Amino acid sequence: MKETTLERLREICLSLPEATEGAGVAEVTFRVRGKIFVMYHDDHHGDGRLAIWCKAAHGEQEALVASDPERYFVPPYVGPRGWIGYRLDVRQPDWEEVRGLAEESYRLIAPRSLARLLDATGG
């Protein structure tokens, strides 16, 4: 399951303009011009979660966690800066929801010209 989950996430993230894959802060990170917009974590420091962390718009973190606390969580380190955790292991992931989270995070991190390019391509 983990490999197919990562493959699906990779497909989503690398479809975004100038997105690249790397490592370092997490098992796998997805970046745009060197800045991380999605982190993939498998049992981060023994937390038992298979999850992604993404930047969220102001106010979204609280709303998402309140709407589904089994799926969403405030991740350590980056949570105070508005990032959201999305568990991939509690139920079958909603890949459209994952795509939406990744695209929103990308828009918040990417230079405006690339974010506009994403909008122009229907993302």
C-alpha atoms as a PDB file:
ATOM      1  CA  MET A   1       0.000   0.000   0.000  1.00  0.00           C
ATOM      2  CA  LYS A   2       2.742   2.462   0.939  1.00  0.00           C
ATOM      3  CA  GLU A   3       4.446   2.244  -2.459  1.00  0.00           C
ATOM      4  CA  THR A   4       1.242   2.723  -4.422  1.00  0.00           C
ATOM      5  CA  THR A   5       0.289   5.581  -2.115  1.00  0.00           C
ATOM      6  CA  LEU A   6       3.627   7.299  -2.691  1.00  0.00           C
ATOM      7  CA  GLU A   7       3.393   6.669  -6.431  1.00  0.00           C
ATOM      8  CA  ARG A   8      -0.038   8.295  -6.534  1.00  0.00           C
ATOM      9  CA  LEU A   9       1.184  11.270  -4.486  1.00  0.00           C
ATOM     10  CA  ARG A  10       4.238  11.585  -6.738  1.00  0.00           C
ATOM     11  CA  GLU A  11       1.988  11.643  -9.812  1.00  0.00           C
ATOM     12  CA  ILE A  12      -0.090  14.478  -8.326  1.00  0.00           C
ATOM     13  CA  CYS A  13       2.795  16.612  -7.087  1.00  0.00           C
ATOM     14  CA  LEU A  14       5.091  16.227 -10.082  1.00  0.00           C
ATOM     15  CA  SER A  15       2.284  17.276 -12.426  1.00  0.00           C
ATOM     16  CA  LEU A  16       2.567  20.823 -11.038  1.00  0.00           C
ATOM     17  CA  PRO A  17       4.728  23.359 -12.901  1.00  0.00           C
ATOM     18  CA  GLU A  18       8.453  23.034 -12.080  1.00  0.00           C
ATOM     19  CA  ALA A  19       7.777  20.629  -9.196  1.00  0.00           C
ATOM     20  CA  THR A  20      10.666  18.388  -8.160  1.00  0.00           C
ATOM     21  CA  GLU A  21      11.125  15.546  -5.729  1.00  0.00           C
ATOM     22  CA  GLY A  22      13.742  15.440  -3.019  1.00  0.00           C
ATOM     23  CA  ALA A  23      14.434  14.248   0.483  1.00  0.00           C
ATOM     24  CA  GLY A  24      15.810  15.706   3.664  1.00  0.00           C
ATOM     25  CA  VAL A  25      13.219  17.060   6.056  1.00  0.00           C
ATOM     26  CA  ALA A  26      10.895  14.127   5.370  1.00  0.00           C
ATOM     27  CA  GLU A  27      11.191  10.762   3.694  1.00  0.00           C
ATOM     28  CA  VAL A  28      10.139  12.440   0.459  1.00  0.00           C
ATOM     29  CA  THR A  29       9.517  16.103  -0.233  1.00  0.00           C
ATOM     30  CA  PHE A  30       8.022  17.892  -3.202  1.00  0.00           C
ATOM     31  CA  ARG A  31       9.388  21.320  -3.981  1.00  0.00           C
ATOM     32  CA  VAL A  32       8.979  24.225  -6.308  1.00  0.00           C
ATOM     33  CA  ARG A  33      12.116  26.263  -6.933  1.00  0.00           C
ATOM     34  CA  GLY A  34      13.717  24.749  -3.859  1.00  0.00           C
ATOM     35  CA  LYS A  35      10.814  25.398  -1.470  1.00  0.00           C
ATOM     36  CA  ILE A  36       8.883  22.491   0.015  1.00  0.00           C
ATOM     37  CA  PHE A  37       5.142  22.383  -0.639  1.00  0.00           C
ATOM     38  CA  VAL A  38       4.378  18.756   0.358  1.00  0.00           C
ATOM     39  CA  MET A  39       6.161  16.383   2.750  1.00  0.00           C
ATOM     40  CA  TYR A  40       5.491  12.650   2.854  1.00  0.00           C
ATOM     41  CA  HIS A  41       6.039  11.013   6.242  1.00  0.00           C
ATOM     42  CA  ASP A  42       5.914   7.349   7.199  1.00  0.00           C
ATOM     43  CA  ASP A  43       5.954   6.920  10.987  1.00  0.00           C
ATOM     44  CA  HIS A  44       7.625  10.290  11.616  1.00  0.00           C
ATOM     45  CA  HIS A  45       9.565   9.950  14.897  1.00  0.00           C
ATOM     46  CA  GLY A  46       7.401   6.963  15.801  1.00  0.00           C
ATOM     47  CA  ASP A  47       4.029   8.717  15.488  1.00  0.00           C
ATOM     48  CA  GLY A  48       2.508   5.699  13.702  1.00  0.00           C
ATOM     49  CA  ARG A  49       1.092   7.764  10.836  1.00  0.00           C
ATOM     50  CA  LEU A  50       1.424   7.530   7.072  1.00  0.00           C
ATOM     51  CA  ALA A  51       0.700  11.121   6.145  1.00  0.00           C
ATOM     52  CA  ILE A  52       1.441  14.185   4.095  1.00  0.00           C
ATOM     53  CA  TRP A  53       2.031  17.666   5.438  1.00  0.00           C
ATOM     54  CA  CYS A  54       0.999  20.666   3.325  1.00  0.00           C
ATOM     55  CA  LYS A  55       0.810  24.409   3.798  1.00  0.00           C
ATOM     56  CA  ALA A  56      -2.771  25.593   4.217  1.00  0.00           C
ATOM     57  CA  ALA A  57      -4.409  28.966   3.771  1.00  0.00           C
ATOM     58  CA  HIS A  58      -4.982  31.068   6.883  1.00  0.00           C
ATOM     59  CA  GLY A  59      -7.822  29.571   8.938  1.00  0.00           C
ATOM     60  CA  GLU A  60      -7.958  26.299   7.002  1.00  0.00           C
ATOM     61  CA  GLN A  61      -5.936  24.287   9.499  1.00  0.00           C
ATOM     62  CA  GLU A  62      -8.449  24.745  12.303  1.00  0.00           C
ATOM     63  CA  ALA A  63     -11.432  24.128  10.037  1.00  0.00           C
ATOM     64  CA  LEU A  64      -9.994  20.939   8.542  1.00  0.00           C
ATOM     65  CA  VAL A  65      -8.935  19.447  11.888  1.00  0.00           C
ATOM     66  CA  ALA A  66     -12.368  20.243  13.359  1.00  0.00           C
ATOM     67  CA  SER A  67     -14.143  18.715  10.348  1.00  0.00           C
ATOM     68  CA  ASP A  68     -12.323  15.355  10.500  1.00  0.00           C
ATOM     69  CA  PRO A  69      -9.856  14.947  13.393  1.00  0.00           C
ATOM     70  CA  GLU A  70      -9.248  11.300  12.473  1.00  0.00           C
ATOM     71  CA  ARG A  71      -7.927  12.349   9.037  1.00  0.00           C
ATOM     72  CA  TYR A  72      -6.458  15.819   9.674  1.00  0.00           C
ATOM     73  CA  PHE A  73      -3.974  16.883  12.328  1.00  0.00           C
ATOM     74  CA  VAL A  74      -1.631  19.706  13.237  1.00  0.00           C
ATOM     75  CA  PRO A  75       1.869  18.452  12.413  1.00  0.00           C
ATOM     76  CA  PRO A  76       4.837  19.157  14.670  1.00  0.00           C
ATOM     77  CA  TYR A  77       7.329  21.891  13.771  1.00  0.00           C
ATOM     78  CA  VAL A  78       5.393  23.414  10.854  1.00  0.00           C
ATOM     79  CA  GLY A  79       1.892  23.253  12.343  1.00  0.00           C
ATOM     80  CA  PRO A  80       2.268  26.602  14.121  1.00  0.00           C
ATOM     81  CA  ARG A  81       2.970  28.127  10.692  1.00  0.00           C
ATOM     82  CA  GLY A  82      -0.328  26.913   9.264  1.00  0.00           C
ATOM     83  CA  TRP A  83       0.647  23.551   7.814  1.00  0.00           C
ATOM     84  CA  ILE A  84      -1.847  20.693   7.920  1.00  0.00           C
ATOM     85  CA  GLY A  85      -1.321  16.954   8.260  1.00  0.00           C
ATOM     86  CA  TYR A  86      -3.458  14.563   6.214  1.00  0.00           C
ATOM     87  CA  ARG A  87      -3.449  10.882   7.173  1.00  0.00           C
ATOM     88  CA  LEU A  88      -3.221   8.467   4.285  1.00  0.00           C
ATOM     89  CA  ASP A  89      -3.658   5.408   6.515  1.00  0.00           C
ATOM     90  CA  VAL A  90      -6.968   5.821   8.359  1.00  0.00           C
ATOM     91  CA  ARG A  91      -9.293   5.243   5.406  1.00  0.00           C
ATOM     92  CA  GLN A  92      -8.802   5.017   1.678  1.00  0.00           C
ATOM     93  CA  PRO A  93      -7.342   8.417   0.731  1.00  0.00           C
ATOM     94  CA  ASP A  94      -9.613  10.736  -1.211  1.00  0.00           C
ATOM     95  CA  TRP A  95      -7.165  11.464  -4.034  1.00  0.00           C
ATOM     96  CA  GLU A  96      -9.107  14.488  -5.252  1.00  0.00           C
ATOM     97  CA  GLU A  97      -8.843  15.901  -1.735  1.00  0.00           C
ATOM     98  CA  VAL A  98      -5.105  15.129  -1.707  1.00  0.00           C
ATOM     99  CA  ARG A  99      -4.767  16.845  -5.093  1.00  0.00           C
ATOM    100  CA  GLY A 100      -6.601  19.885  -3.752  1.00  0.00           C
ATOM    101  CA  LEU A 101      -4.355  20.071  -0.680  1.00  0.00           C
ATOM    102  CA  ALA A 102      -1.207  19.729  -2.792  1.00  0.00           C
ATOM    103  CA  GLU A 103      -2.355  22.370  -5.283  1.00  0.00           C
ATOM    104  CA  GLU A 104      -3.339  24.810  -2.534  1.00  0.00           C
ATOM    105  CA  SER A 105       0.012  24.334  -0.807  1.00  0.00           C
ATOM    106  CA  TYR A 106       1.788  24.786  -4.141  1.00  0.00           C
ATOM    107  CA  ARG A 107      -0.085  28.060  -4.756  1.00  0.00           C
ATOM    108  CA  LEU A 108       0.945  29.332  -1.317  1.00  0.00           C
ATOM    109  CA  ILE A 109       4.625  28.407  -1.814  1.00  0.00           C
ATOM    110  CA  ALA A 110       5.299  28.891  -5.540  1.00  0.00           C
ATOM    111  CA  PRO A 111       6.170  32.211  -7.146  1.00  0.00           C
ATOM    112  CA  ARG A 112       3.030  33.975  -8.377  1.00  0.00           C
ATOM    113  CA  SER A 113       3.934  33.408 -12.023  1.00  0.00           C
ATOM    114  CA  LEU A 114       3.927  29.638 -11.492  1.00  0.00           C
ATOM    115  CA  ALA A 115       0.747  29.740  -9.436  1.00  0.00           C
ATOM    116  CA  ARG A 116      -0.916  31.650 -12.278  1.00  0.00           C
ATOM    117  CA  LEU A 117       0.377  29.045 -14.722  1.00  0.00           C
ATOM    118  CA  LEU A 118      -1.295  26.342 -12.630  1.00  0.00           C
ATOM    119  CA  ASP A 119      -4.555  28.305 -12.717  1.00  0.00           C
ATOM    120  CA  ALA A 120      -4.258  28.755 -16.485  1.00  0.00           C
ATOM    121  CA  THR A 121      -3.890  25.001 -17.021  1.00  0.00           C
ATOM    122  CA  GLY A 122      -7.034  24.291 -15.025  1.00  0.00           C
ATOM    123  CA  GLY A 123      -5.355  23.155 -11.803  1.00  0.00           C
END
